[in-house]
Amino acid sequence: MSTHTMYVISVAAGRGHYRHIRIRSTATLLELHQVIVDAYQLIEVSRPSFEVESRKDGRIKYSLNRTATTIALRDTRLEDTVFSTKGYMIYSLSDPELAFRCRTLRTEQDTDPETQVVAQSGGCFLDAWIPDVLRLLGQISKTEGTGPEQTEDGIDLPVFDRLIDFLFAAINLYGIIPLDKLYAYYRQHWQNVPQPLFVWIALLCSGKENSYICVVDAQGRKLGPNDDGDTAAYLVDGLLLQHDMFEDIHARQRGKDYYLPSPEEFMLYATPNYVEHTPAYLQFRQQLVMHGLSSAAAEKITFQLSMDCRYGNFSVHTLFDDLKRARLHKLCSSPSQSFLDLCAA
């Protein structure tokens, strides 16, 4: 089985705000651009370019199309740029606020050439809205008179990022939680953010199409930034709404206490589609590796299995389809499949 040279590239929008992207060294700058757009869920993506940060004989710039002064993104492989030497590149878009500092953190050899985000920090979307968001938050917090840390433009960006991460952690940990209970927990451990501002940020996230972070009223109707914040009742994992599982999960939670961990433990959940690596998770993943899968492929299958179980989509047939695609024939023998099919019947 052939191996591939993989780069793990840090794409940073600022201190504490980054994505670590694992991608083939033979991929083009155009492919990296597309991965960055997906990883940050950017909205404004016109005129993408990469530029070498420093060079004695002048800067090299790469743009969407070849010009007299630039090289085309689609014609440039990562291994032919400073990414092969861990040099810095500046990735930018038409909006001057959207500039990212990029460099290769490490090089790996793997049989799995799949591109993926392997680490991240900071808000997962809304990046293209940050200038307007900061101004709006500044207006709201000044109106309240007891807002969080301020800059000249409004709320401090690290506070905004932490709020987004906090909301992600909440939906990953609970699935559904009353907003007033969640705000009380936030207020206990972090800055004095007014509750209307806290709710409005959640509504802003909820208004994005296919958002993970959603807000619903008492009847389970999804709300957005134009709705009355006083009607906002629950923070909800958007996938529960997509799969029509809100009422079922909400009924199961009724009357039960919510687990309130330490702030440090709580923020461990601040990753989209977080799955806790329990002993059973690690054991199943290790079994796949022992049967010949790469670590990345085993992690992908185990993660998908966990997500299928979480959202009620798991079936024996789905599991065996995944294993067959990975060519794990020993785990998919006819007697084994017949037995598990019988158990699932």
C-alpha atoms as a PDB file:
ATOM      1  CA  MET A   1       0.000   0.000   0.000  1.00  0.00           C
ATOM      2  CA  SER A   2       1.495   3.331  -1.063  1.00  0.00           C
ATOM      3  CA  THR A   3       2.122   6.133   1.414  1.00  0.00           C
ATOM      4  CA  HIS A   4       1.501   9.832   0.969  1.00  0.00           C
ATOM      5  CA  THR A   5       3.374  12.846   2.270  1.00  0.00           C
ATOM      6  CA  MET A   6       0.918  14.892   4.311  1.00  0.00           C
ATOM      7  CA  TYR A   7       1.370  18.450   5.579  1.00  0.00           C
ATOM      8  CA  VAL A   8      -0.336  19.648   8.749  1.00  0.00           C
ATOM      9  CA  ILE A   9      -0.796  23.356   8.038  1.00  0.00           C
ATOM     10  CA  SER A  10      -1.818  25.937  10.618  1.00  0.00           C
ATOM     11  CA  VAL A  11      -4.207  28.570   9.244  1.00  0.00           C
ATOM     12  CA  ALA A  12      -4.480  31.286  11.899  1.00  0.00           C
ATOM     13  CA  ALA A  13      -6.850  34.251  11.924  1.00  0.00           C
ATOM     14  CA  GLY A  14      -5.319  35.628  15.118  1.00  0.00           C
ATOM     15  CA  ARG A  15      -4.096  34.567  18.502  1.00  0.00           C
ATOM     16  CA  GLY A  16      -6.077  31.541  19.696  1.00  0.00           C
ATOM     17  CA  HIS A  17      -8.077  31.451  16.441  1.00  0.00           C
ATOM     18  CA  TYR A  18      -6.811  28.739  14.093  1.00  0.00           C
ATOM     19  CA  ARG A  19      -7.482  25.594  12.069  1.00  0.00           C
ATOM     20  CA  HIS A  20      -4.877  22.843  11.624  1.00  0.00           C
ATOM     21  CA  ILE A  21      -5.456  21.257   8.220  1.00  0.00           C
ATOM     22  CA  ARG A  22      -3.984  17.903   7.203  1.00  0.00           C
ATOM     23  CA  ILE A  23      -3.574  17.816   3.410  1.00  0.00           C
ATOM     24  CA  ARG A  24      -1.461  16.062   0.751  1.00  0.00           C
ATOM     25  CA  SER A  25       1.815  17.746  -0.175  1.00  0.00           C
ATOM     26  CA  THR A  26       0.800  17.286  -3.823  1.00  0.00           C
ATOM     27  CA  ALA A  27      -2.455  19.205  -3.363  1.00  0.00           C
ATOM     28  CA  THR A  28      -2.686  22.593  -5.041  1.00  0.00           C
ATOM     29  CA  LEU A  29      -3.070  25.986  -3.418  1.00  0.00           C
ATOM     30  CA  LEU A  30      -6.563  26.071  -4.921  1.00  0.00           C
ATOM     31  CA  GLU A  31      -7.462  22.909  -2.967  1.00  0.00           C
ATOM     32  CA  LEU A  32      -6.047  24.417   0.236  1.00  0.00           C
ATOM     33  CA  HIS A  33      -8.092  27.571  -0.376  1.00  0.00           C
ATOM     34  CA  GLN A  34     -11.264  25.496  -0.695  1.00  0.00           C
ATOM     35  CA  VAL A  35     -10.481  23.585   2.512  1.00  0.00           C
ATOM     36  CA  ILE A  36      -9.903  26.845   4.426  1.00  0.00           C
ATOM     37  CA  VAL A  37     -13.236  28.211   3.209  1.00  0.00           C
ATOM     38  CA  ASP A  38     -14.998  25.059   4.442  1.00  0.00           C
ATOM     39  CA  ALA A  39     -13.065  24.927   7.731  1.00  0.00           C
ATOM     40  CA  TYR A  40     -13.935  28.517   8.640  1.00  0.00           C
ATOM     41  CA  GLN A  41     -17.318  28.455   6.847  1.00  0.00           C
ATOM     42  CA  LEU A  42     -16.493  31.770   5.198  1.00  0.00           C
ATOM     43  CA  ILE A  43     -19.142  33.717   3.353  1.00  0.00           C
ATOM     44  CA  GLU A  44     -17.143  36.223   1.268  1.00  0.00           C
ATOM     45  CA  VAL A  45     -14.635  34.230  -0.791  1.00  0.00           C
ATOM     46  CA  SER A  46     -13.851  36.403  -3.817  1.00  0.00           C
ATOM     47  CA  ARG A  47     -10.292  37.094  -5.014  1.00  0.00           C
ATOM     48  CA  PRO A  48      -8.435  34.482  -2.941  1.00  0.00           C
ATOM     49  CA  SER A  49      -4.654  34.744  -2.893  1.00  0.00           C
ATOM     50  CA  PHE A  50      -1.549  33.422  -1.135  1.00  0.00           C
ATOM     51  CA  GLU A  51       1.557  35.529  -0.655  1.00  0.00           C
ATOM     52  CA  VAL A  52       4.957  34.598   0.749  1.00  0.00           C
ATOM     53  CA  GLU A  53       5.361  36.613   3.929  1.00  0.00           C
ATOM     54  CA  SER A  54       9.023  37.499   3.515  1.00  0.00           C
ATOM     55  CA  ARG A  55      11.548  36.968   0.737  1.00  0.00           C
ATOM     56  CA  LYS A  56      14.800  38.777  -0.021  1.00  0.00           C
ATOM     57  CA  ASP A  57      14.210  39.053  -3.767  1.00  0.00           C
ATOM     58  CA  GLY A  58      10.607  40.197  -3.444  1.00  0.00           C
ATOM     59  CA  ARG A  59       7.350  38.486  -2.576  1.00  0.00           C
ATOM     60  CA  ILE A  60       5.793  35.697  -4.585  1.00  0.00           C
ATOM     61  CA  LYS A  61       2.025  35.959  -4.945  1.00  0.00           C
ATOM     62  CA  TYR A  62      -0.486  33.352  -6.078  1.00  0.00           C
ATOM     63  CA  SER A  63      -3.996  34.292  -7.227  1.00  0.00           C
ATOM     64  CA  LEU A  64      -7.031  32.613  -8.749  1.00  0.00           C
ATOM     65  CA  ASN A  65      -5.792  33.182 -12.304  1.00  0.00           C
ATOM     66  CA  ARG A  66      -2.325  33.648 -13.755  1.00  0.00           C
ATOM     67  CA  THR A  67      -1.430  37.301 -14.387  1.00  0.00           C
ATOM     68  CA  ALA A  68       1.706  39.265 -15.214  1.00  0.00           C
ATOM     69  CA  THR A  69       2.625  39.371 -11.510  1.00  0.00           C
ATOM     70  CA  THR A  70       0.952  36.291  -9.998  1.00  0.00           C
ATOM     71  CA  ILE A  71       0.923  32.505 -10.382  1.00  0.00           C
ATOM     72  CA  ALA A  72      -2.374  30.584 -10.612  1.00  0.00           C
ATOM     73  CA  LEU A  73      -3.492  28.699  -7.498  1.00  0.00           C
ATOM     74  CA  ARG A  74      -4.517  25.658  -9.532  1.00  0.00           C
ATOM     75  CA  ASP A  75      -1.028  25.396 -11.080  1.00  0.00           C
ATOM     76  CA  THR A  76       0.883  25.409  -7.794  1.00  0.00           C
ATOM     77  CA  ARG A  77       1.392  22.377  -5.582  1.00  0.00           C
ATOM     78  CA  LEU A  78       2.007  22.860  -1.865  1.00  0.00           C
ATOM     79  CA  GLU A  79       5.320  21.001  -2.035  1.00  0.00           C
ATOM     80  CA  ASP A  80       6.571  23.585  -4.544  1.00  0.00           C
ATOM     81  CA  THR A  81       6.015  26.502  -2.148  1.00  0.00           C
ATOM     82  CA  VAL A  82       7.433  27.618   1.199  1.00  0.00           C
ATOM     83  CA  PHE A  83       5.003  25.164   2.820  1.00  0.00           C
ATOM     84  CA  SER A  84       7.672  22.514   2.149  1.00  0.00           C
ATOM     85  CA  THR A  85      10.158  24.475   4.311  1.00  0.00           C
ATOM     86  CA  LYS A  86       7.707  25.600   7.025  1.00  0.00           C
ATOM     87  CA  GLY A  87       7.862  29.173   5.774  1.00  0.00           C
ATOM     88  CA  TYR A  88       4.953  31.569   6.248  1.00  0.00           C
ATOM     89  CA  MET A  89       2.270  32.430   3.692  1.00  0.00           C
ATOM     90  CA  ILE A  90      -0.486  35.014   3.986  1.00  0.00           C
ATOM     91  CA  TYR A  91      -3.865  33.790   2.722  1.00  0.00           C
ATOM     92  CA  SER A  92      -6.336  36.589   2.036  1.00  0.00           C
ATOM     93  CA  LEU A  93      -9.657  37.357   0.373  1.00  0.00           C
ATOM     94  CA  SER A  94     -11.201  40.516  -1.052  1.00  0.00           C
ATOM     95  CA  ASP A  95     -12.338  41.680   2.382  1.00  0.00           C
ATOM     96  CA  PRO A  96      -9.234  43.183   4.083  1.00  0.00           C
ATOM     97  CA  GLU A  97     -10.463  41.796   7.402  1.00  0.00           C
ATOM     98  CA  LEU A  98     -10.094  38.246   6.078  1.00  0.00           C
ATOM     99  CA  ALA A  99      -6.362  37.516   6.191  1.00  0.00           C
ATOM    100  CA  PHE A 100      -4.811  34.371   7.639  1.00  0.00           C
ATOM    101  CA  ARG A 101      -1.204  33.501   8.502  1.00  0.00           C
ATOM    102  CA  CYS A 102      -0.323  29.986   7.338  1.00  0.00           C
ATOM    103  CA  ARG A 103       2.633  27.653   7.826  1.00  0.00           C
ATOM    104  CA  THR A 104       3.383  23.933   7.910  1.00  0.00           C
ATOM    105  CA  LEU A 105       3.601  22.584  11.451  1.00  0.00           C
ATOM    106  CA  ARG A 106       4.820  19.094  10.580  1.00  0.00           C
ATOM    107  CA  THR A 107       5.106  16.534   7.799  1.00  0.00           C
ATOM    108  CA  GLU A 108       3.636  13.026   8.084  1.00  0.00           C
ATOM    109  CA  GLN A 109       3.688   9.815   6.052  1.00  0.00           C
ATOM    110  CA  ASP A 110       0.352   8.004   5.861  1.00  0.00           C
ATOM    111  CA  THR A 111      -1.530   5.586   3.627  1.00  0.00           C
ATOM    112  CA  ASP A 112      -4.690   7.682   4.015  1.00  0.00           C
ATOM    113  CA  PRO A 113      -4.578  10.780   1.744  1.00  0.00           C
ATOM    114  CA  GLU A 114      -7.833  12.261   3.028  1.00  0.00           C
ATOM    115  CA  THR A 115      -7.845  15.987   3.800  1.00  0.00           C
ATOM    116  CA  GLN A 116      -9.229  16.880   7.220  1.00  0.00           C
ATOM    117  CA  VAL A 117      -9.196  19.485   9.976  1.00  0.00           C
ATOM    118  CA  VAL A 118      -7.283  17.851  12.841  1.00  0.00           C
ATOM    119  CA  ALA A 119      -7.415  20.701  15.399  1.00  0.00           C
ATOM    120  CA  GLN A 120      -9.153  24.033  15.809  1.00  0.00           C
ATOM    121  CA  SER A 121      -9.779  26.899  18.181  1.00  0.00           C
ATOM    122  CA  GLY A 122     -12.027  29.931  17.997  1.00  0.00           C
ATOM    123  CA  GLY A 123     -15.477  30.397  16.466  1.00  0.00           C
ATOM    124  CA  CYS A 124     -16.267  27.955  13.673  1.00  0.00           C
ATOM    125  CA  PHE A 125     -18.153  30.381  11.509  1.00  0.00           C
ATOM    126  CA  LEU A 126     -19.340  33.994  11.348  1.00  0.00           C
ATOM    127  CA  ASP A 127     -15.735  34.983  10.525  1.00  0.00           C
ATOM    128  CA  ALA A 128     -16.830  36.957   7.498  1.00  0.00           C
ATOM    129  CA  TRP A 129     -19.323  38.830   9.681  1.00  0.00           C
ATOM    130  CA  ILE A 130     -16.861  39.831  12.411  1.00  0.00           C
ATOM    131  CA  PRO A 131     -16.555  43.570  11.539  1.00  0.00           C
ATOM    132  CA  ASP A 132     -20.347  44.038  11.519  1.00  0.00           C
ATOM    133  CA  VAL A 133     -20.807  41.743  14.505  1.00  0.00           C
ATOM    134  CA  LEU A 134     -18.337  43.737  16.585  1.00  0.00           C
ATOM    135  CA  ARG A 135     -20.109  46.995  15.806  1.00  0.00           C
ATOM    136  CA  LEU A 136     -23.524  45.517  16.605  1.00  0.00           C
ATOM    137  CA  LEU A 137     -22.322  43.958  19.838  1.00  0.00           C
ATOM    138  CA  GLY A 138     -20.777  47.249  20.848  1.00  0.00           C
ATOM    139  CA  GLN A 139     -24.079  49.046  20.311  1.00  0.00           C
ATOM    140  CA  ILE A 140     -26.038  46.437  22.266  1.00  0.00           C
ATOM    141  CA  SER A 141     -23.629  46.262  25.206  1.00  0.00           C
ATOM    142  CA  LYS A 142     -23.464  50.054  25.461  1.00  0.00           C
ATOM    143  CA  THR A 143     -27.255  50.136  25.515  1.00  0.00           C
ATOM    144  CA  GLU A 144     -27.273  47.607  28.335  1.00  0.00           C
ATOM    145  CA  GLY A 145     -24.657  49.591  30.238  1.00  0.00           C
ATOM    146  CA  THR A 146     -23.130  46.500  31.869  1.00  0.00           C
ATOM    147  CA  GLY A 147     -21.443  44.885  28.884  1.00  0.00           C
ATOM    148  CA  PRO A 148     -18.349  42.694  28.775  1.00  0.00           C
ATOM    149  CA  GLU A 149     -14.799  43.802  28.049  1.00  0.00           C
ATOM    150  CA  GLN A 150     -14.837  46.498  25.391  1.00  0.00           C
ATOM    151  CA  THR A 151     -12.586  47.654  22.581  1.00  0.00           C
ATOM    152  CA  GLU A 152     -13.166  50.802  20.554  1.00  0.00           C
ATOM    153  CA  ASP A 153     -15.248  48.760  18.108  1.00  0.00           C
ATOM    154  CA  GLY A 154     -17.333  46.947  20.727  1.00  0.00           C
ATOM    155  CA  ILE A 155     -16.980  43.565  22.431  1.00  0.00           C
ATOM    156  CA  ASP A 156     -13.486  42.141  22.768  1.00  0.00           C
ATOM    157  CA  LEU A 157     -12.978  39.491  20.049  1.00  0.00           C
ATOM    158  CA  PRO A 158     -11.609  36.801  22.431  1.00  0.00           C
ATOM    159  CA  VAL A 159     -14.795  37.180  24.505  1.00  0.00           C
ATOM    160  CA  PHE A 160     -16.893  36.726  21.358  1.00  0.00           C
ATOM    161  CA  ASP A 161     -14.865  33.649  20.346  1.00  0.00           C
ATOM    162  CA  ARG A 162     -15.241  32.146  23.806  1.00  0.00           C
ATOM    163  CA  LEU A 163     -19.005  32.662  23.669  1.00  0.00           C
ATOM    164  CA  ILE A 164     -19.186  30.775  20.364  1.00  0.00           C
ATOM    165  CA  ASP A 165     -17.025  27.959  21.733  1.00  0.00           C
ATOM    166  CA  PHE A 166     -19.156  27.903  24.891  1.00  0.00           C
ATOM    167  CA  LEU A 167     -22.323  27.440  22.821  1.00  0.00           C
ATOM    168  CA  PHE A 168     -20.694  24.626  20.830  1.00  0.00           C
ATOM    169  CA  ALA A 169     -19.672  22.928  24.067  1.00  0.00           C
ATOM    170  CA  ALA A 170     -23.223  23.201  25.399  1.00  0.00           C
ATOM    171  CA  ILE A 171     -24.888  21.527  22.408  1.00  0.00           C
ATOM    172  CA  ASN A 172     -22.246  18.784  22.323  1.00  0.00           C
ATOM    173  CA  LEU A 173     -22.638  18.082  26.036  1.00  0.00           C
ATOM    174  CA  TYR A 174     -26.415  18.405  26.412  1.00  0.00           C
ATOM    175  CA  GLY A 175     -28.073  18.365  22.988  1.00  0.00           C
ATOM    176  CA  ILE A 176     -30.856  20.495  24.498  1.00  0.00           C
ATOM    177  CA  ILE A 177     -30.608  22.867  27.465  1.00  0.00           C
ATOM    178  CA  PRO A 178     -32.752  25.796  28.686  1.00  0.00           C
ATOM    179  CA  LEU A 179     -31.067  29.076  27.800  1.00  0.00           C
ATOM    180  CA  ASP A 180     -31.650  30.616  31.222  1.00  0.00           C
ATOM    181  CA  LYS A 181     -29.916  27.669  32.935  1.00  0.00           C
ATOM    182  CA  LEU A 182     -27.035  27.842  30.461  1.00  0.00           C
ATOM    183  CA  TYR A 183     -26.640  31.592  30.946  1.00  0.00           C
ATOM    184  CA  ALA A 184     -26.574  31.184  34.731  1.00  0.00           C
ATOM    185  CA  TYR A 185     -23.719  28.692  34.366  1.00  0.00           C
ATOM    186  CA  TYR A 186     -21.824  31.035  32.010  1.00  0.00           C
ATOM    187  CA  ARG A 187     -22.332  34.024  34.299  1.00  0.00           C
ATOM    188  CA  GLN A 188     -20.970  32.014  37.228  1.00  0.00           C
ATOM    189  CA  HIS A 189     -17.614  31.323  35.571  1.00  0.00           C
ATOM    190  CA  TRP A 190     -16.963  34.021  32.950  1.00  0.00           C
ATOM    191  CA  GLN A 191     -17.334  37.734  32.231  1.00  0.00           C
ATOM    192  CA  ASN A 192     -20.402  39.784  33.010  1.00  0.00           C
ATOM    193  CA  VAL A 193     -22.112  39.446  29.624  1.00  0.00           C
ATOM    194  CA  PRO A 194     -25.698  40.776  29.773  1.00  0.00           C
ATOM    195  CA  GLN A 195     -28.297  38.075  29.206  1.00  0.00           C
ATOM    196  CA  PRO A 196     -29.926  39.876  26.210  1.00  0.00           C
ATOM    197  CA  LEU A 197     -26.504  39.999  24.528  1.00  0.00           C
ATOM    198  CA  PHE A 198     -25.849  36.333  25.346  1.00  0.00           C
ATOM    199  CA  VAL A 199     -29.209  35.315  23.852  1.00  0.00           C
ATOM    200  CA  TRP A 200     -28.731  37.535  20.803  1.00  0.00           C
ATOM    201  CA  ILE A 201     -25.397  35.880  19.951  1.00  0.00           C
ATOM    202  CA  ALA A 202     -27.090  32.472  20.180  1.00  0.00           C
ATOM    203  CA  LEU A 203     -29.886  33.743  17.914  1.00  0.00           C
ATOM    204  CA  LEU A 204     -27.304  35.080  15.457  1.00  0.00           C
ATOM    205  CA  CYS A 205     -25.750  31.613  15.210  1.00  0.00           C
ATOM    206  CA  SER A 206     -29.184  30.005  14.956  1.00  0.00           C
ATOM    207  CA  GLY A 207     -30.062  32.169  11.959  1.00  0.00           C
ATOM    208  CA  LYS A 208     -27.338  30.616   9.824  1.00  0.00           C
ATOM    209  CA  GLU A 209     -28.500  27.903   7.427  1.00  0.00           C
ATOM    210  CA  ASN A 210     -27.719  24.370   8.657  1.00  0.00           C
ATOM    211  CA  SER A 211     -26.167  25.776  11.833  1.00  0.00           C
ATOM    212  CA  TYR A 212     -25.052  23.403  14.581  1.00  0.00           C
ATOM    213  CA  ILE A 213     -26.092  26.019  17.148  1.00  0.00           C
ATOM    214  CA  CYS A 214     -29.859  26.577  17.172  1.00  0.00           C
ATOM    215  CA  VAL A 215     -32.326  28.348  19.428  1.00  0.00           C
ATOM    216  CA  VAL A 216     -35.983  27.333  19.684  1.00  0.00           C
ATOM    217  CA  ASP A 217     -38.998  28.664  21.528  1.00  0.00           C
ATOM    218  CA  ALA A 218     -41.076  26.665  24.016  1.00  0.00           C
ATOM    219  CA  GLN A 219     -42.916  24.953  21.125  1.00  0.00           C
ATOM    220  CA  GLY A 220     -39.693  23.864  19.416  1.00  0.00           C
ATOM    221  CA  ARG A 221     -39.847  26.470  16.621  1.00  0.00           C
ATOM    222  CA  LYS A 222     -36.409  27.535  15.393  1.00  0.00           C
ATOM    223  CA  LEU A 223     -35.583  31.209  15.969  1.00  0.00           C
ATOM    224  CA  GLY A 224     -33.140  33.646  14.369  1.00  0.00           C
ATOM    225  CA  PRO A 225     -31.640  37.093  15.060  1.00  0.00           C
ATOM    226  CA  ASN A 226     -34.815  38.862  13.925  1.00  0.00           C
ATOM    227  CA  ASP A 227     -36.987  37.051  16.478  1.00  0.00           C
ATOM    228  CA  ASP A 228     -37.859  38.286  19.947  1.00  0.00           C
ATOM    229  CA  GLY A 229     -35.156  37.150  22.362  1.00  0.00           C
ATOM    230  CA  ASP A 230     -37.738  36.906  25.140  1.00  0.00           C
ATOM    231  CA  THR A 231     -39.300  33.918  23.344  1.00  0.00           C
ATOM    232  CA  ALA A 232     -35.989  32.016  23.174  1.00  0.00           C
ATOM    233  CA  ALA A 233     -36.313  28.974  25.424  1.00  0.00           C
ATOM    234  CA  TYR A 234     -33.731  26.311  24.529  1.00  0.00           C
ATOM    235  CA  LEU A 235     -30.312  25.977  22.944  1.00  0.00           C
ATOM    236  CA  VAL A 236     -30.438  22.929  20.655  1.00  0.00           C
ATOM    237  CA  ASP A 237     -28.045  20.865  18.552  1.00  0.00           C
ATOM    238  CA  GLY A 238     -29.126  21.661  14.988  1.00  0.00           C
ATOM    239  CA  LEU A 239     -28.817  18.023  13.934  1.00  0.00           C
ATOM    240  CA  LEU A 240     -31.615  17.129  16.344  1.00  0.00           C
ATOM    241  CA  LEU A 241     -33.884  19.527  14.464  1.00  0.00           C
ATOM    242  CA  GLN A 242     -32.773  18.201  11.072  1.00  0.00           C
ATOM    243  CA  HIS A 243     -33.626  14.640  12.150  1.00  0.00           C
ATOM    244  CA  ASP A 244     -36.905  15.652  13.890  1.00  0.00           C
ATOM    245  CA  MET A 245     -35.605  14.385  17.227  1.00  0.00           C
ATOM    246  CA  PHE A 246     -36.164  17.481  19.375  1.00  0.00           C
ATOM    247  CA  GLU A 247     -39.429  16.345  20.968  1.00  0.00           C
ATOM    248  CA  ASP A 248     -38.142  12.831  21.682  1.00  0.00           C
ATOM    249  CA  ILE A 249     -34.874  13.958  23.314  1.00  0.00           C
ATOM    250  CA  HIS A 250     -36.604  16.778  25.172  1.00  0.00           C
ATOM    251  CA  ALA A 251     -39.120  14.322  26.625  1.00  0.00           C
ATOM    252  CA  ARG A 252     -36.329  12.014  27.811  1.00  0.00           C
ATOM    253  CA  GLN A 253     -34.555  14.913  29.543  1.00  0.00           C
ATOM    254  CA  ARG A 254     -37.661  16.195  31.311  1.00  0.00           C
ATOM    255  CA  GLY A 255     -37.307  16.126  35.094  1.00  0.00           C
ATOM    256  CA  LYS A 256     -33.624  15.176  35.050  1.00  0.00           C
ATOM    257  CA  ASP A 257     -30.783  17.285  36.432  1.00  0.00           C
ATOM    258  CA  TYR A 258     -28.176  18.754  34.087  1.00  0.00           C
ATOM    259  CA  TYR A 259     -24.551  17.824  34.690  1.00  0.00           C
ATOM    260  CA  LEU A 260     -22.564  21.004  35.409  1.00  0.00           C
ATOM    261  CA  PRO A 261     -18.836  20.221  35.180  1.00  0.00           C
ATOM    262  CA  SER A 262     -15.913  22.499  35.919  1.00  0.00           C
ATOM    263  CA  PRO A 263     -15.303  25.233  33.303  1.00  0.00           C
ATOM    264  CA  GLU A 264     -12.164  23.413  32.149  1.00  0.00           C
ATOM    265  CA  GLU A 265     -14.028  20.156  31.552  1.00  0.00           C
ATOM    266  CA  PHE A 266     -16.993  21.952  29.987  1.00  0.00           C
ATOM    267  CA  MET A 267     -14.840  23.624  27.322  1.00  0.00           C
ATOM    268  CA  LEU A 268     -13.375  20.275  26.253  1.00  0.00           C
ATOM    269  CA  TYR A 269     -16.671  19.791  24.420  1.00  0.00           C
ATOM    270  CA  ALA A 270     -16.183  22.967  22.346  1.00  0.00           C
ATOM    271  CA  THR A 271     -15.636  21.147  19.058  1.00  0.00           C
ATOM    272  CA  PRO A 272     -18.284  20.496  16.367  1.00  0.00           C
ATOM    273  CA  ASN A 273     -19.466  16.878  16.511  1.00  0.00           C
ATOM    274  CA  TYR A 274     -17.458  16.207  19.663  1.00  0.00           C
ATOM    275  CA  VAL A 275     -17.328  12.536  20.612  1.00  0.00           C
ATOM    276  CA  GLU A 276     -15.905  11.465  23.955  1.00  0.00           C
ATOM    277  CA  HIS A 277     -13.129   8.902  23.562  1.00  0.00           C
ATOM    278  CA  THR A 278     -14.468   6.390  26.067  1.00  0.00           C
ATOM    279  CA  PRO A 279     -12.671   3.065  26.742  1.00  0.00           C
ATOM    280  CA  ALA A 280     -15.139   1.332  24.400  1.00  0.00           C
ATOM    281  CA  TYR A 281     -14.423   3.909  21.661  1.00  0.00           C
ATOM    282  CA  LEU A 282     -10.665   3.434  21.992  1.00  0.00           C
ATOM    283  CA  GLN A 283     -10.947  -0.360  22.087  1.00  0.00           C
ATOM    284  CA  PHE A 284     -13.048  -0.510  18.900  1.00  0.00           C
ATOM    285  CA  ARG A 285     -10.684   1.887  17.113  1.00  0.00           C
ATOM    286  CA  GLN A 286      -7.673  -0.185  18.154  1.00  0.00           C
ATOM    287  CA  GLN A 287      -9.321  -3.341  16.814  1.00  0.00           C
ATOM    288  CA  LEU A 288      -9.694  -1.690  13.406  1.00  0.00           C
ATOM    289  CA  VAL A 289      -6.017  -0.721  13.422  1.00  0.00           C
ATOM    290  CA  MET A 290      -5.048  -4.290  14.340  1.00  0.00           C
ATOM    291  CA  HIS A 291      -7.000  -5.500  11.294  1.00  0.00           C
ATOM    292  CA  GLY A 292      -4.959  -3.322   8.958  1.00  0.00           C
ATOM    293  CA  LEU A 293      -6.549   0.134   8.846  1.00  0.00           C
ATOM    294  CA  SER A 294      -4.486   3.276   9.177  1.00  0.00           C
ATOM    295  CA  SER A 295      -5.015   5.285  12.353  1.00  0.00           C
ATOM    296  CA  ALA A 296      -6.833   7.993  10.389  1.00  0.00           C
ATOM    297  CA  ALA A 297      -9.193   5.512   8.678  1.00  0.00           C
ATOM    298  CA  ALA A 298      -9.926   3.736  11.975  1.00  0.00           C
ATOM    299  CA  GLU A 299     -10.696   7.054  13.656  1.00  0.00           C
ATOM    300  CA  LYS A 300     -13.022   8.033  10.804  1.00  0.00           C
ATOM    301  CA  ILE A 301     -15.061   4.806  11.019  1.00  0.00           C
ATOM    302  CA  THR A 302     -15.236   4.854  14.835  1.00  0.00           C
ATOM    303  CA  PHE A 303     -16.268   8.498  14.835  1.00  0.00           C
ATOM    304  CA  GLN A 304     -19.000   7.897  12.242  1.00  0.00           C
ATOM    305  CA  LEU A 305     -20.265   4.910  14.224  1.00  0.00           C
ATOM    306  CA  SER A 306     -20.494   7.084  17.348  1.00  0.00           C
ATOM    307  CA  MET A 307     -22.379   9.794  15.467  1.00  0.00           C
ATOM    308  CA  ASP A 308     -24.776   7.227  13.976  1.00  0.00           C
ATOM    309  CA  CYS A 309     -25.501   5.928  17.475  1.00  0.00           C
ATOM    310  CA  ARG A 310     -26.000   9.466  18.803  1.00  0.00           C
ATOM    311  CA  TYR A 311     -28.596  10.397  16.195  1.00  0.00           C
ATOM    312  CA  GLY A 312     -30.364   7.055  15.919  1.00  0.00           C
ATOM    313  CA  ASN A 313     -29.052   6.187  12.447  1.00  0.00           C
ATOM    314  CA  PHE A 314     -27.010   3.144  13.491  1.00  0.00           C
ATOM    315  CA  SER A 315     -27.684  -0.245  11.970  1.00  0.00           C
ATOM    316  CA  VAL A 316     -25.638  -3.399  11.582  1.00  0.00           C
ATOM    317  CA  HIS A 317     -25.866  -3.054   7.808  1.00  0.00           C
ATOM    318  CA  THR A 318     -24.412   0.458   7.953  1.00  0.00           C
ATOM    319  CA  LEU A 319     -21.512  -0.744  10.082  1.00  0.00           C
ATOM    320  CA  PHE A 320     -20.722  -3.617   7.742  1.00  0.00           C
ATOM    321  CA  ASP A 321     -20.946  -1.336   4.714  1.00  0.00           C
ATOM    322  CA  ASP A 322     -18.330   0.919   6.314  1.00  0.00           C
ATOM    323  CA  LEU A 323     -16.089  -2.035   7.132  1.00  0.00           C
ATOM    324  CA  LYS A 324     -16.427  -3.490   3.637  1.00  0.00           C
ATOM    325  CA  ARG A 325     -15.483  -0.145   2.089  1.00  0.00           C
ATOM    326  CA  ALA A 326     -12.363  -0.290   4.261  1.00  0.00           C
ATOM    327  CA  ARG A 327     -11.777  -3.873   2.965  1.00  0.00           C
ATOM    328  CA  LEU A 328     -11.908  -5.448   6.409  1.00  0.00           C
ATOM    329  CA  HIS A 329     -13.088  -8.805   5.076  1.00  0.00           C
ATOM    330  CA  LYS A 330     -12.173 -10.700   8.229  1.00  0.00           C
ATOM    331  CA  LEU A 331     -14.630  -8.626  10.230  1.00  0.00           C
ATOM    332  CA  CYS A 332     -17.278  -9.035   7.552  1.00  0.00           C
ATOM    333  CA  SER A 333     -17.325 -12.803   7.134  1.00  0.00           C
ATOM    334  CA  SER A 334     -20.673 -14.382   6.305  1.00  0.00           C
ATOM    335  CA  PRO A 335     -21.132 -16.141   9.691  1.00  0.00           C
ATOM    336  CA  SER A 336     -20.386 -12.915  11.558  1.00  0.00           C
ATOM    337  CA  GLN A 337     -22.710 -10.882   9.387  1.00  0.00           C
ATOM    338  CA  SER A 338     -25.508 -13.443   9.651  1.00  0.00           C
ATOM    339  CA  PHE A 339     -25.201 -13.527  13.434  1.00  0.00           C
ATOM    340  CA  LEU A 340     -25.239  -9.745  13.806  1.00  0.00           C
ATOM    341  CA  ASP A 341     -28.097  -9.420  11.324  1.00  0.00           C
ATOM    342  CA  LEU A 342     -30.061 -11.851  13.500  1.00  0.00           C
ATOM    343  CA  CYS A 343     -29.275  -9.807  16.628  1.00  0.00           C
ATOM    344  CA  ALA A 344     -30.432  -6.641  14.907  1.00  0.00           C
ATOM    345  CA  ALA A 345     -33.692  -8.135  13.664  1.00  0.00           C
END
